[in-house]
Protein backbone atom coordinates (compact mmCIF):
# COMPACT_ATOMS: atom_id res chain seq x y z
CA MET A 1 -107.17 -149.67 104.48
CA SER A 2 -106.37 -147.09 107.09
CA ASP A 3 -105.16 -147.72 110.61
CA VAL A 4 -108.07 -145.94 112.04
CA GLU A 5 -110.40 -148.06 114.12
CA GLY A 6 -113.46 -147.10 116.04
CA SER A 7 -115.99 -148.08 118.61
CA LEU A 8 -119.76 -148.66 119.14
CA GLN A 9 -121.36 -147.87 122.48
CA PHE A 10 -124.84 -149.03 123.38
CA ILE A 11 -126.61 -146.35 125.48
CA GLY A 12 -130.17 -147.77 125.52
CA ASN A 13 -133.27 -148.23 123.50
CA ALA A 14 -132.15 -147.60 120.02
CA THR A 15 -129.51 -145.07 121.01
CA VAL A 16 -125.93 -145.91 119.96
CA LEU A 17 -122.77 -143.87 119.74
CA ILE A 18 -120.69 -144.83 116.76
CA ARG A 19 -117.07 -143.58 116.25
CA TYR A 20 -115.18 -144.12 113.21
CA ALA A 21 -113.00 -142.17 110.62
CA GLY A 22 -112.74 -139.23 113.01
CA LEU A 23 -116.54 -138.99 113.00
CA THR A 24 -119.09 -139.43 115.92
CA LEU A 25 -122.60 -140.36 115.11
CA LEU A 26 -125.53 -140.75 117.42
CA THR A 27 -128.49 -142.95 116.55
CA ASP A 28 -132.17 -142.36 117.61
CA PRO A 29 -131.46 -140.21 120.65
CA ASN A 30 -133.55 -141.16 123.63
CA PHE A 31 -132.51 -139.69 127.06
CA LEU A 32 -135.61 -139.92 129.12
CA ARG A 33 -135.07 -141.35 132.63
CA ARG A 34 -136.68 -144.32 134.17
CA GLY A 35 -140.39 -143.54 134.92
CA GLN A 36 -140.67 -140.78 132.42
CA ARG A 37 -143.19 -141.34 129.63
CA ALA A 38 -142.44 -141.38 125.93
CA TYR A 39 -145.38 -140.32 123.63
CA MET A 40 -146.01 -142.93 120.87
CA GLY A 41 -148.65 -141.12 118.81
CA LEU A 42 -152.27 -142.22 118.31
CA GLY A 43 -152.84 -140.84 121.88
CA LEU A 44 -150.67 -143.59 123.47
CA SER A 45 -147.72 -143.31 125.81
CA SER A 46 -145.35 -145.70 127.54
CA PRO A 47 -143.16 -145.22 130.68
CA ARG A 48 -139.45 -145.96 130.44
CA LEU A 49 -138.33 -148.97 132.40
CA ARG A 50 -134.58 -148.54 132.32
CA ASP A 51 -132.23 -145.44 132.53
CA PRO A 52 -129.94 -144.72 129.59
CA ALA A 53 -126.29 -145.43 130.32
CA VAL A 54 -125.24 -141.80 129.49
CA ARG A 55 -126.82 -138.48 130.04
CA ILE A 56 -127.00 -136.22 127.03
CA GLU A 57 -124.94 -133.66 128.77
CA ASP A 58 -122.14 -136.21 129.06
CA LEU A 59 -121.99 -137.04 125.27
CA PRO A 60 -118.96 -136.12 123.23
CA VAL A 61 -119.28 -133.69 120.46
CA VAL A 62 -121.67 -135.34 118.00
CA ASP A 63 -121.04 -134.70 114.20
CA ALA A 64 -124.52 -135.86 113.20
CA VAL A 65 -127.50 -137.78 114.45
CA ILE A 66 -129.01 -140.67 112.47
CA LEU A 67 -132.74 -140.59 113.14
CA SER A 68 -134.87 -143.47 111.86
CA HIS A 69 -138.23 -141.61 112.50
CA LEU A 70 -139.74 -138.86 114.53
CA HIS A 71 -141.17 -140.66 117.61
CA GLY A 72 -141.18 -140.11 121.30
CA ALA A 73 -138.98 -143.09 122.04
CA HIS A 74 -136.34 -142.13 119.39
CA TRP A 75 -136.41 -138.32 119.57
CA ASP A 76 -137.56 -137.17 122.94
CA ARG A 77 -138.23 -133.88 124.70
CA VAL A 78 -134.78 -134.15 126.45
CA THR A 79 -133.06 -134.30 123.14
CA ARG A 80 -135.29 -131.50 121.67
CA ARG A 81 -134.32 -129.16 124.54
CA ARG A 82 -130.65 -129.99 125.16
CA LEU A 83 -129.07 -131.20 121.90
CA ASP A 84 -126.87 -128.59 120.22
CA ARG A 85 -129.33 -127.20 117.43
CA ASP A 86 -126.43 -126.87 115.00
CA THR A 87 -126.09 -130.66 114.88
CA PRO A 88 -127.03 -132.12 111.60
CA VAL A 89 -129.91 -134.71 111.90
CA ILE A 90 -130.20 -137.10 108.96
CA THR A 91 -133.72 -138.58 108.82
CA THR A 92 -136.87 -138.91 106.80
CA THR A 93 -138.09 -136.04 104.71
CA SER A 94 -141.06 -135.51 106.87
CA ALA A 95 -139.10 -135.64 110.12
CA ALA A 96 -136.62 -133.23 108.73
CA GLY A 97 -139.22 -130.59 108.00
CA SER A 98 -140.58 -130.76 111.51
CA LEU A 99 -137.10 -130.69 113.08
CA ARG A 100 -136.19 -127.57 111.06
CA ARG A 101 -139.31 -125.94 112.50
CA GLN A 102 -138.05 -126.86 116.01
CA GLY A 103 -134.83 -124.98 115.18
CA PHE A 104 -132.61 -127.84 114.01
CA ARG A 105 -131.89 -126.02 110.70
CA HIS A 106 -129.20 -128.45 109.45
CA SER A 107 -131.62 -131.42 109.36
CA VAL A 108 -131.37 -133.42 106.05
CA GLY A 109 -134.42 -135.42 104.89
CA LEU A 110 -133.74 -138.45 102.64
CA ARG A 111 -136.08 -140.67 100.63
CA GLU A 112 -135.33 -144.36 100.02
CA TRP A 113 -131.99 -144.87 98.53
CA GLN A 114 -130.98 -141.13 98.64
CA GLN A 115 -127.48 -140.50 100.17
CA HIS A 116 -125.74 -137.83 102.15
CA GLU A 117 -122.05 -137.60 102.86
CA LEU A 118 -120.46 -136.29 105.99
CA ARG A 119 -116.58 -135.57 106.02
CA GLY A 120 -114.37 -135.90 108.94
CA PRO A 121 -110.65 -135.24 109.77
CA THR A 122 -109.56 -138.77 108.77
CA GLY A 123 -112.38 -139.96 106.45
CA SER A 124 -116.02 -139.79 105.60
CA VAL A 125 -119.25 -141.46 105.97
CA THR A 126 -122.07 -141.88 103.25
CA VAL A 127 -125.48 -142.36 104.78
CA THR A 128 -128.07 -144.11 102.46
CA ALA A 129 -131.68 -144.29 103.41
CA LEU A 130 -133.07 -147.73 103.26
CA PRO A 131 -136.50 -149.31 103.08
CA ALA A 132 -138.34 -149.95 106.37
CA ARG A 133 -142.00 -150.69 107.23
CA HIS A 134 -143.21 -149.76 110.67
CA ALA A 135 -146.21 -151.86 110.35
CA PRO A 136 -147.76 -154.37 108.06
CA ARG A 137 -150.03 -153.32 105.16
CA LEU A 138 -152.37 -150.35 105.64
CA ALA A 139 -151.58 -149.89 109.19
CA ASN A 140 -148.17 -148.54 108.13
CA ALA A 141 -149.91 -145.30 107.11
CA LEU A 142 -151.01 -144.67 110.68
CA LEU A 143 -147.44 -144.32 111.84
CA PRO A 144 -144.64 -141.83 111.16
CA PRO A 145 -142.52 -142.66 108.01
CA VAL A 146 -139.32 -144.58 108.99
CA ILE A 147 -136.14 -145.37 107.30
CA GLY A 148 -133.33 -147.74 107.85
CA THR A 149 -129.75 -146.51 107.10
CA MET A 150 -126.47 -147.86 105.75
CA LEU A 151 -123.38 -146.02 107.03
CA GLU A 152 -120.38 -146.59 104.63
CA PHE A 153 -117.16 -145.27 106.24
CA CYS A 154 -114.28 -144.40 104.13
CA GLY A 155 -110.68 -143.80 105.03
CA PRO A 156 -108.41 -141.09 103.81
CA GLU A 157 -107.95 -142.77 100.52
CA GLY A 158 -111.72 -142.81 99.90
CA ARG A 159 -112.31 -146.55 99.77
CA VAL A 160 -115.19 -148.01 102.00
CA GLU A 161 -113.59 -149.72 105.02
CA LEU A 162 -116.73 -150.34 107.09
CA ARG A 163 -120.54 -150.79 106.54
CA VAL A 164 -122.78 -150.41 109.48
CA LEU A 165 -126.61 -151.13 108.87
CA VAL A 166 -129.18 -149.75 111.19
CA SER A 167 -132.46 -151.43 110.75
CA GLY A 168 -134.68 -148.72 112.10
CA ASP A 169 -138.22 -149.66 113.39
CA THR A 170 -139.47 -152.22 110.94
CA VAL A 171 -141.24 -155.48 110.53
CA LEU A 172 -140.21 -158.02 107.95
CA ASP A 173 -141.47 -156.94 104.60
CA ARG A 174 -140.69 -157.90 100.99
CA HIS A 175 -139.26 -154.28 100.38
CA LEU A 176 -136.38 -155.14 102.67
CA ASP A 177 -135.25 -157.77 100.10
CA ALA A 178 -133.53 -155.08 98.13
CA ILE A 179 -131.09 -154.05 100.92
CA PRO A 180 -128.79 -157.03 100.71
CA ARG A 181 -128.92 -156.97 96.91
CA ARG A 182 -127.48 -153.53 96.95
CA PHE A 183 -125.22 -153.97 99.94
CA PRO A 184 -124.16 -157.68 99.83
CA ASP A 185 -121.21 -157.06 102.16
CA ILE A 186 -122.35 -155.80 105.61
CA ASP A 187 -119.98 -155.64 108.57
CA VAL A 188 -122.19 -154.68 111.45
CA ALA A 189 -126.02 -154.63 111.85
CA LEU A 190 -127.76 -152.79 114.60
CA MET A 191 -131.14 -154.48 114.77
CA HIS A 192 -134.28 -152.90 116.46
CA LEU A 193 -136.15 -155.80 118.10
CA GLY A 194 -138.77 -155.72 121.02
CA GLY A 195 -141.89 -156.99 119.27
CA THR A 196 -143.34 -153.62 119.91
CA LYS A 197 -147.19 -153.75 120.00
CA LEU A 198 -149.59 -150.82 119.69
CA LEU A 199 -153.30 -151.02 120.34
CA GLY A 200 -152.91 -154.35 121.99
CA SER A 201 -152.11 -156.45 118.86
CA LEU A 202 -150.37 -154.48 116.22
CA PHE A 203 -146.73 -155.41 115.87
CA VAL A 204 -144.56 -152.39 114.70
CA THR A 205 -141.09 -153.80 115.25
CA MET A 206 -139.57 -157.27 114.87
CA ASP A 207 -139.91 -159.88 117.60
CA GLY A 208 -137.38 -162.69 118.03
CA ARG A 209 -138.49 -164.91 115.30
CA GLN A 210 -138.54 -162.05 112.68
CA GLY A 211 -135.22 -160.80 113.95
CA ALA A 212 -133.59 -164.11 113.29
CA ALA A 213 -135.05 -164.12 109.79
CA TRP A 214 -133.83 -160.55 109.28
CA VAL A 215 -130.26 -161.55 110.24
CA SER A 216 -130.55 -164.39 107.75
CA LEU A 217 -131.64 -162.09 105.02
CA MET A 218 -129.12 -159.29 105.59
CA ASN A 219 -126.29 -161.70 106.27
CA PRO A 220 -123.94 -159.35 108.19
CA ARG A 221 -120.64 -160.36 109.74
CA SER A 222 -121.78 -159.22 113.23
CA VAL A 223 -125.16 -158.23 114.75
CA VAL A 224 -125.96 -156.06 117.78
CA PRO A 225 -129.50 -156.38 119.07
CA ILE A 226 -130.97 -153.14 120.46
CA HIS A 227 -134.37 -151.61 121.27
CA TYR A 228 -135.93 -154.54 123.28
CA ASP A 229 -136.68 -153.85 126.94
CA ASP A 230 -136.81 -150.11 127.58
CA TYR A 231 -140.57 -149.61 127.41
CA THR A 232 -143.82 -151.38 128.49
CA VAL A 233 -144.81 -151.53 124.71
CA PHE A 234 -142.13 -154.23 124.10
CA HIS A 235 -143.56 -157.68 124.15
CA SER A 236 -140.70 -159.89 122.74
CA PRO A 237 -137.86 -160.53 125.27
CA LEU A 238 -134.31 -160.77 124.14
CA ASP A 239 -134.34 -164.46 125.15
CA GLU A 240 -136.84 -165.08 122.35
CA PHE A 241 -134.29 -163.73 119.86
CA ARG A 242 -131.52 -165.75 121.48
CA HIS A 243 -133.61 -168.96 120.91
CA HIS A 244 -134.43 -168.20 117.29
CA ILE A 245 -130.99 -167.07 116.22
CA LYS A 246 -129.55 -170.21 117.75
CA MET A 247 -132.03 -172.34 115.92
CA ALA A 248 -131.06 -170.47 112.65
CA GLY A 249 -127.38 -171.41 113.24
CA LEU A 250 -126.35 -167.68 113.41
CA ALA A 251 -125.65 -167.20 117.17
CA ASP A 252 -121.90 -166.94 116.67
CA ARG A 253 -122.53 -163.60 114.88
CA VAL A 254 -124.43 -161.88 117.69
CA VAL A 255 -122.74 -159.53 120.11
CA TYR A 256 -124.93 -158.65 123.20
CA LEU A 257 -124.07 -155.36 124.75
CA GLU A 258 -125.04 -154.10 128.14
CA ARG A 259 -126.10 -150.48 128.48
CA GLY A 260 -122.92 -148.39 128.60
CA GLU A 261 -120.83 -151.24 127.12
CA THR A 262 -118.56 -150.52 124.13
CA CYS A 263 -117.08 -152.75 121.49
CA GLU A 264 -114.42 -152.23 118.95
CA LEU A 265 -115.18 -151.40 115.25
CA ALA A 266 -112.58 -152.36 112.74
CA PRO A 267 -112.54 -152.81 108.99
CA HIS A 268 -114.19 -156.05 107.79
CA ARG A 269 -113.65 -157.88 111.14
CA LEU A 270 -116.02 -159.40 113.62
CA LEU A 271 -116.97 -157.13 116.45
CA GLN A 272 -114.65 -157.29 119.47
CA ARG A 273 -115.83 -156.48 123.03
């Protein structure tokens, strides 16, 4: 085990800055300001309700973006215009093709269970694409393809020190059962909540009840809920998740971060604020 430790900063929506092993990763970049509209597809849009904690201009140098899917609240026009186009973006195969056409020529598309490695000055990270389902049954085909990701950080000796799971936008689905079978030892889980509804009744992300069931299934040491109150399409408040996770007896695993707040990442330990 190396002496290197890192940090996790919640910026807003599903945007998180992760630093470990000398690498800096950014998830699902969304830097629209309050009142600006994100375009959701199917002719729908939603105004942002809260400002992100950090402007894109104030980010440190980012080694790669981890993008669950190509969607206006996860990859917005601010990111498209202002992110360095040499930044690698690791995402779905369809999103990578679109991003390369936008000029992000180092975009990498992964199918489920495919991997991509990034090397840093004091270690590396292996990114594995995981199953995710943006909507139940046939409705899933109406939405952009989405992946979850497992980030396995290794120190200088090449051993895995830290596993960070990013759920991506998903609902509970039997395909997700394979994740904890392949990765039974998860240190930190970033969980997309919100109970996002499209067309009035179609849930396309987990609500509080599903979120608690997902935590029970994945069984991580620590959980950070994200993606729950930035847009008007969110219909499941964070308090709903607090209730269900307490009823499941798992409340002691959850770390609630305010926008801009940072917690410490360390090998095989509970998150520390």
